[in-house]
N, C-alpha and C. Protein backbone atom coordinates (compact mmCIF):
# COMPACT_ATOMS: atom_id res chain seq x y z
N MET A 1 -58.02 -101.52 -61.91
CA MET A 1 -57.29 -100.34 -61.53
C MET A 1 -57.97 -99.71 -60.32
N LYS A 2 -57.17 -99.23 -59.36
CA LYS A 2 -57.70 -98.60 -58.19
C LYS A 2 -58.40 -97.27 -58.54
N ARG A 3 -59.27 -96.89 -57.68
CA ARG A 3 -60.02 -95.64 -57.91
C ARG A 3 -59.10 -94.44 -57.90
N SER A 4 -58.13 -94.44 -57.01
CA SER A 4 -57.22 -93.31 -56.93
C SER A 4 -56.36 -93.19 -58.21
N ALA A 5 -55.99 -94.31 -58.76
CA ALA A 5 -55.22 -94.27 -60.02
C ALA A 5 -56.09 -93.77 -61.16
N LYS A 6 -57.36 -94.13 -61.16
CA LYS A 6 -58.28 -93.61 -62.18
C LYS A 6 -58.43 -92.10 -62.07
N ASN A 7 -58.56 -91.63 -60.83
CA ASN A 7 -58.72 -90.18 -60.60
C ASN A 7 -57.46 -89.43 -61.01
N ILE A 8 -56.29 -90.00 -60.75
CA ILE A 8 -55.04 -89.33 -61.15
C ILE A 8 -54.93 -89.28 -62.67
N LEU A 9 -55.26 -90.38 -63.33
CA LEU A 9 -55.23 -90.40 -64.81
C LEU A 9 -56.25 -89.43 -65.39
N LEU A 10 -57.40 -89.37 -64.81
CA LEU A 10 -58.43 -88.44 -65.28
C LEU A 10 -57.98 -86.99 -65.13
N ALA A 11 -57.40 -86.68 -63.98
CA ALA A 11 -56.88 -85.32 -63.78
C ALA A 11 -55.76 -84.98 -64.74
N ALA A 12 -54.90 -85.94 -65.00
CA ALA A 12 -53.80 -85.71 -65.96
C ALA A 12 -54.34 -85.50 -67.35
N GLY A 13 -55.34 -86.28 -67.74
CA GLY A 13 -55.93 -86.10 -69.07
C GLY A 13 -56.61 -84.78 -69.26
N VAL A 14 -57.35 -84.36 -68.25
CA VAL A 14 -58.05 -83.08 -68.32
C VAL A 14 -57.02 -81.93 -68.36
N THR A 15 -56.00 -82.02 -67.51
CA THR A 15 -54.98 -80.98 -67.50
C THR A 15 -54.25 -80.91 -68.86
N SER A 16 -53.93 -82.04 -69.41
CA SER A 16 -53.28 -82.10 -70.69
C SER A 16 -54.14 -81.48 -71.80
N SER A 17 -55.40 -81.80 -71.78
CA SER A 17 -56.32 -81.25 -72.80
C SER A 17 -56.47 -79.75 -72.67
N VAL A 18 -56.63 -79.28 -71.44
CA VAL A 18 -56.81 -77.86 -71.20
C VAL A 18 -55.57 -77.08 -71.61
N LEU A 19 -54.38 -77.58 -71.23
CA LEU A 19 -53.16 -76.90 -71.61
C LEU A 19 -52.96 -76.93 -73.13
N GLY A 20 -53.31 -78.03 -73.76
CA GLY A 20 -53.19 -78.10 -75.22
C GLY A 20 -54.09 -77.09 -75.91
N ILE A 21 -55.34 -76.95 -75.45
CA ILE A 21 -56.24 -75.99 -76.03
C ILE A 21 -55.77 -74.56 -75.76
N THR A 22 -55.25 -74.34 -74.53
CA THR A 22 -54.77 -73.00 -74.18
C THR A 22 -53.65 -72.54 -75.11
N PHE A 23 -52.76 -73.47 -75.48
CA PHE A 23 -51.65 -73.12 -76.35
C PHE A 23 -51.97 -73.20 -77.83
N ALA A 24 -52.89 -74.09 -78.21
CA ALA A 24 -53.17 -74.30 -79.62
C ALA A 24 -53.90 -73.15 -80.28
N VAL A 25 -54.90 -72.62 -79.61
CA VAL A 25 -55.74 -71.57 -80.23
C VAL A 25 -54.89 -70.34 -80.55
N PRO A 26 -54.16 -69.77 -79.58
CA PRO A 26 -53.33 -68.59 -79.96
C PRO A 26 -52.23 -68.89 -80.97
N SER A 27 -51.71 -70.13 -80.93
CA SER A 27 -50.67 -70.51 -81.87
C SER A 27 -51.19 -70.54 -83.29
N PHE A 28 -52.39 -71.06 -83.48
CA PHE A 28 -52.98 -71.07 -84.82
C PHE A 28 -53.32 -69.65 -85.28
N ILE A 29 -53.76 -68.80 -84.36
CA ILE A 29 -54.09 -67.42 -84.71
C ILE A 29 -52.85 -66.66 -85.15
N LYS A 30 -51.75 -66.86 -84.42
CA LYS A 30 -50.50 -66.17 -84.73
C LYS A 30 -49.67 -66.88 -85.78
N GLU A 31 -50.16 -68.01 -86.30
CA GLU A 31 -49.51 -68.80 -87.34
C GLU A 31 -48.16 -69.32 -86.90
N ILE A 32 -48.07 -69.77 -85.63
CA ILE A 32 -46.89 -70.46 -85.12
C ILE A 32 -47.20 -71.93 -85.14
N TYR A 33 -46.96 -72.54 -86.26
CA TYR A 33 -47.46 -73.91 -86.47
C TYR A 33 -46.72 -74.98 -85.72
N GLY A 34 -45.47 -74.77 -85.37
CA GLY A 34 -44.74 -75.77 -84.59
C GLY A 34 -45.36 -75.96 -83.22
N VAL A 35 -45.64 -74.86 -82.54
CA VAL A 35 -46.28 -74.93 -81.22
C VAL A 35 -47.70 -75.45 -81.35
N ALA A 36 -48.35 -75.09 -82.41
CA ALA A 36 -49.76 -75.56 -82.62
C ALA A 36 -49.79 -77.04 -82.80
N ILE A 37 -48.85 -77.60 -83.53
CA ILE A 37 -48.84 -79.07 -83.74
C ILE A 37 -48.59 -79.81 -82.46
N VAL A 38 -47.61 -79.31 -81.68
CA VAL A 38 -47.33 -79.94 -80.38
C VAL A 38 -48.54 -79.83 -79.46
N SER A 39 -49.22 -78.72 -79.48
CA SER A 39 -50.40 -78.52 -78.65
C SER A 39 -51.53 -79.46 -79.05
N THR A 40 -51.69 -79.66 -80.35
CA THR A 40 -52.70 -80.56 -80.83
C THR A 40 -52.40 -82.00 -80.42
N ILE A 41 -51.16 -82.39 -80.48
CA ILE A 41 -50.78 -83.71 -80.03
C ILE A 41 -51.04 -83.84 -78.52
N LEU A 42 -50.80 -82.79 -77.77
CA LEU A 42 -51.11 -82.79 -76.32
C LEU A 42 -52.58 -82.96 -76.07
N ILE A 43 -53.42 -82.32 -76.87
CA ILE A 43 -54.88 -82.46 -76.75
C ILE A 43 -55.29 -83.92 -77.03
N ILE A 44 -54.78 -84.47 -78.12
CA ILE A 44 -55.15 -85.84 -78.48
C ILE A 44 -54.68 -86.82 -77.38
N GLY A 45 -53.46 -86.63 -76.87
CA GLY A 45 -52.98 -87.48 -75.80
C GLY A 45 -53.83 -87.36 -74.56
N GLY A 46 -54.27 -86.17 -74.23
CA GLY A 46 -55.13 -85.97 -73.06
C GLY A 46 -56.48 -86.67 -73.26
N MET A 47 -57.02 -86.63 -74.47
CA MET A 47 -58.30 -87.30 -74.72
C MET A 47 -58.16 -88.81 -74.62
N ILE A 48 -57.03 -89.32 -75.09
CA ILE A 48 -56.79 -90.77 -74.99
C ILE A 48 -56.66 -91.19 -73.52
N ILE A 49 -55.96 -90.40 -72.71
CA ILE A 49 -55.83 -90.69 -71.29
C ILE A 49 -57.19 -90.64 -70.59
N ILE A 50 -58.01 -89.67 -70.95
CA ILE A 50 -59.36 -89.56 -70.35
C ILE A 50 -60.17 -90.79 -70.73
N ALA A 51 -60.14 -91.19 -72.01
CA ALA A 51 -60.90 -92.37 -72.44
C ALA A 51 -60.42 -93.63 -71.75
N TYR A 52 -59.13 -93.78 -71.56
CA TYR A 52 -58.60 -94.94 -70.89
C TYR A 52 -59.02 -95.00 -69.42
N SER A 53 -58.98 -93.84 -68.75
CA SER A 53 -59.32 -93.85 -67.32
C SER A 53 -60.81 -94.06 -67.09
N ILE A 54 -61.65 -93.61 -68.00
CA ILE A 54 -63.09 -93.82 -67.85
C ILE A 54 -63.43 -95.28 -68.27
N GLY A 55 -62.74 -95.81 -69.27
CA GLY A 55 -63.05 -97.14 -69.77
C GLY A 55 -62.59 -98.28 -68.88
N GLU A 56 -61.62 -98.06 -68.05
CA GLU A 56 -61.10 -99.12 -67.20
C GLU A 56 -62.06 -99.45 -66.11
């Protein structure tokens, strides 16, 4: 994989994880579980993308 593609994947993974955390914490505090579940899935997806971009 090209270096630029790795950097783009890494940026996408970090952005996904940060957005997921940003939405998950207040959602769990306010007990809005639908948004919290989607945010948690976004965090996990971001971590998988980060692992893939570093591992390649």
